[in-house]
């Protein structure tokens, strides 16, 4: 659960188990990109609803490929292993973003 959605969860169980502020590893992650990716994938839900397992697996692979292609078009190396404390998928600011911070 990201920081934005956690504010609305007042149940004691959610406060104990879903608080992103209690997990140090999540503090450096770009949670908004997770939300954006989920929103993009969710758009294919009606298409996938009645698929059998084989076709659903194919759709998942196709969507992953399409997602990676979107980044490759921008020059992002999606195959690279993330570096400790930064790098692809870490949520750390890129060199382009550093000037804006």
C-alpha atoms as a PDB file:
ATOM      1  CA  UNK A   1       0.000   0.000   0.000  1.00  0.00           C
ATOM      2  CA  UNK A   2       1.407   3.387  -0.897  1.00  0.00           C
ATOM      3  CA  UNK A   3       1.609   6.465   1.297  1.00  0.00           C
ATOM      4  CA  UNK A   4      -1.245   8.154  -0.523  1.00  0.00           C
ATOM      5  CA  UNK A   5      -3.766   5.369   0.113  1.00  0.00           C
ATOM      6  CA  UNK A   6      -2.629   4.569   3.640  1.00  0.00           C
ATOM      7  CA  UNK A   7      -4.109   7.791   5.045  1.00  0.00           C
ATOM      8  CA  UNK A   8      -7.656   6.458   4.550  1.00  0.00           C
ATOM      9  CA  UNK A   9      -7.032   3.150   6.337  1.00  0.00           C
ATOM     10  CA  UNK A  10      -7.924   3.640   9.999  1.00  0.00           C
ATOM     11  CA  UNK A  11      -8.508  -0.002  10.929  1.00  0.00           C
ATOM     12  CA  UNK A  12      -6.019  -1.142  13.625  1.00  0.00           C
ATOM     13  CA  UNK A  13      -4.971  -4.148  11.515  1.00  0.00           C
ATOM     14  CA  UNK A  14      -4.131  -1.868   8.575  1.00  0.00           C
ATOM     15  CA  UNK A  15      -2.247   0.515  10.854  1.00  0.00           C
ATOM     16  CA  UNK A  16      -0.135  -2.383  12.155  1.00  0.00           C
ATOM     17  CA  UNK A  17       0.486  -4.380   8.963  1.00  0.00           C
ATOM     18  CA  UNK A  18       0.096  -2.005   6.003  1.00  0.00           C
ATOM     19  CA  UNK A  19       1.861   1.144   7.146  1.00  0.00           C
ATOM     20  CA  UNK A  20       4.459   1.969   4.461  1.00  0.00           C
ATOM     21  CA  UNK A  21       6.247   4.289   6.899  1.00  0.00           C
ATOM     22  CA  UNK A  22       7.207   1.276   9.051  1.00  0.00           C
ATOM     23  CA  UNK A  23       9.124  -0.379   6.218  1.00  0.00           C
ATOM     24  CA  UNK A  24      12.418   1.340   5.572  1.00  0.00           C
ATOM     25  CA  UNK A  25      12.843  -0.351   2.185  1.00  0.00           C
ATOM     26  CA  UNK A  26       9.711   1.337   0.866  1.00  0.00           C
ATOM     27  CA  UNK A  27      10.781   4.833   1.846  1.00  0.00           C
ATOM     28  CA  UNK A  28      13.110   5.162  -1.158  1.00  0.00           C
ATOM     29  CA  UNK A  29      10.749   3.586  -3.701  1.00  0.00           C
ATOM     30  CA  UNK A  30       8.692   5.462  -6.245  1.00  0.00           C
ATOM     31  CA  UNK A  31       5.254   4.275  -5.214  1.00  0.00           C
ATOM     32  CA  UNK A  32       3.445   6.543  -7.660  1.00  0.00           C
ATOM     33  CA  UNK A  33       4.962   4.636 -10.606  1.00  0.00           C
ATOM     34  CA  UNK A  34       3.544   1.430  -9.122  1.00  0.00           C
ATOM     35  CA  UNK A  35       0.134   3.085  -9.014  1.00  0.00           C
ATOM     36  CA  UNK A  36       0.467   4.314 -12.594  1.00  0.00           C
ATOM     37  CA  UNK A  37       1.526   0.865 -13.833  1.00  0.00           C
ATOM     38  CA  UNK A  38      -1.350  -0.812 -11.992  1.00  0.00           C
ATOM     39  CA  UNK A  39      -3.789   1.680 -13.497  1.00  0.00           C
ATOM     40  CA  UNK A  40      -2.453   0.915 -16.988  1.00  0.00           C
ATOM     41  CA  UNK A  41      -2.711  -2.872 -16.485  1.00  0.00           C
ATOM     42  CA  UNK A  42      -6.173  -2.572 -14.930  1.00  0.00           C
ATOM     43  CA  UNK A  43      -7.387  -1.153 -18.241  1.00  0.00           C
ATOM     44  CA  UNK A  44      -7.021  -4.648 -19.717  1.00  0.00           C
ATOM     45  CA  UNK A  45      -9.194  -6.300 -17.031  1.00  0.00           C
ATOM     46  CA  UNK A  46     -12.346  -6.634 -19.118  1.00  0.00           C
ATOM     47  CA  UNK A  47     -10.322  -8.187 -21.903  1.00  0.00           C
ATOM     48  CA  UNK A  48      -8.863 -10.799 -19.542  1.00  0.00           C
ATOM     49  CA  UNK A  49     -11.985 -11.629 -17.538  1.00  0.00           C
ATOM     50  CA  UNK A  50     -13.099 -14.622 -19.598  1.00  0.00           C
ATOM     51  CA  UNK A  51      -9.726 -15.902 -20.789  1.00  0.00           C
ATOM     52  CA  UNK A  52      -8.520 -19.395 -20.010  1.00  0.00           C
ATOM     53  CA  UNK A  53      -5.200 -19.809 -18.177  1.00  0.00           C
ATOM     54  CA  UNK A  54      -3.100 -20.184 -21.308  1.00  0.00           C
ATOM     55  CA  UNK A  55      -4.430 -17.028 -22.927  1.00  0.00           C
ATOM     56  CA  UNK A  56      -4.197 -15.112 -19.650  1.00  0.00           C
ATOM     57  CA  UNK A  57      -0.529 -16.080 -19.310  1.00  0.00           C
ATOM     58  CA  UNK A  58       0.059 -14.919 -22.876  1.00  0.00           C
ATOM     59  CA  UNK A  59      -1.672 -11.606 -22.115  1.00  0.00           C
ATOM     60  CA  UNK A  60       0.503 -11.124 -19.017  1.00  0.00           C
ATOM     61  CA  UNK A  61       3.653 -11.708 -21.081  1.00  0.00           C
ATOM     62  CA  UNK A  62       2.401  -9.388 -23.819  1.00  0.00           C
ATOM     63  CA  UNK A  63       1.594  -6.611 -21.337  1.00  0.00           C
ATOM     64  CA  UNK A  64       5.014  -6.981 -19.723  1.00  0.00           C
ATOM     65  CA  UNK A  65       6.668  -6.736 -23.123  1.00  0.00           C
ATOM     66  CA  UNK A  66       4.556  -3.682 -24.032  1.00  0.00           C
ATOM     67  CA  UNK A  67       5.436  -2.033 -20.718  1.00  0.00           C
ATOM     68  CA  UNK A  68       9.153  -2.604 -21.274  1.00  0.00           C
ATOM     69  CA  UNK A  69       8.892  -1.296 -24.837  1.00  0.00           C
ATOM     70  CA  UNK A  70       7.417   1.963 -23.527  1.00  0.00           C
ATOM     71  CA  UNK A  71      10.577   2.425 -21.440  1.00  0.00           C
ATOM     72  CA  UNK A  72      12.956   1.301 -24.179  1.00  0.00           C
ATOM     73  CA  UNK A  73      11.490   3.978 -26.456  1.00  0.00           C
ATOM     74  CA  UNK A  74      12.557   6.514 -23.832  1.00  0.00           C
ATOM     75  CA  UNK A  75      16.059   5.045 -23.631  1.00  0.00           C
ATOM     76  CA  UNK A  76      15.653   3.341 -20.233  1.00  0.00           C
ATOM     77  CA  UNK A  77      17.524   0.035 -19.847  1.00  0.00           C
ATOM     78  CA  UNK A  78      14.844  -2.232 -18.366  1.00  0.00           C
ATOM     79  CA  UNK A  79      17.165  -5.242 -18.398  1.00  0.00           C
ATOM     80  CA  UNK A  80      19.746  -3.674 -16.083  1.00  0.00           C
ATOM     81  CA  UNK A  81      20.026  -4.880 -12.513  1.00  0.00           C
ATOM     82  CA  UNK A  82      19.159  -2.105 -10.066  1.00  0.00           C
ATOM     83  CA  UNK A  83      22.119  -0.721  -8.203  1.00  0.00           C
ATOM     84  CA  UNK A  84      22.118  -0.597  -4.423  1.00  0.00           C
ATOM     85  CA  UNK A  85      20.504   2.674  -3.376  1.00  0.00           C
ATOM     86  CA  UNK A  86      19.482   3.682  -6.903  1.00  0.00           C
ATOM     87  CA  UNK A  87      19.139   2.604 -10.475  1.00  0.00           C
ATOM     88  CA  UNK A  88      16.359   1.213 -12.622  1.00  0.00           C
ATOM     89  CA  UNK A  89      13.148   0.594 -10.746  1.00  0.00           C
ATOM     90  CA  UNK A  90      14.481   1.882  -7.439  1.00  0.00           C
ATOM     91  CA  UNK A  91      12.460   5.052  -7.376  1.00  0.00           C
ATOM     92  CA  UNK A  92      15.629   7.090  -6.974  1.00  0.00           C
ATOM     93  CA  UNK A  93      15.887  10.346  -8.882  1.00  0.00           C
ATOM     94  CA  UNK A  94      17.581  10.033 -12.240  1.00  0.00           C
ATOM     95  CA  UNK A  95      20.315  12.387 -13.448  1.00  0.00           C
ATOM     96  CA  UNK A  96      17.681  14.255 -15.478  1.00  0.00           C
ATOM     97  CA  UNK A  97      15.482  14.709 -12.417  1.00  0.00           C
ATOM     98  CA  UNK A  98      18.278  15.915 -10.130  1.00  0.00           C
ATOM     99  CA  UNK A  99      18.141  19.402 -11.591  1.00  0.00           C
ATOM    100  CA  UNK A 100      14.442  19.601 -10.731  1.00  0.00           C
ATOM    101  CA  UNK A 101      14.838  18.547  -7.088  1.00  0.00           C
END
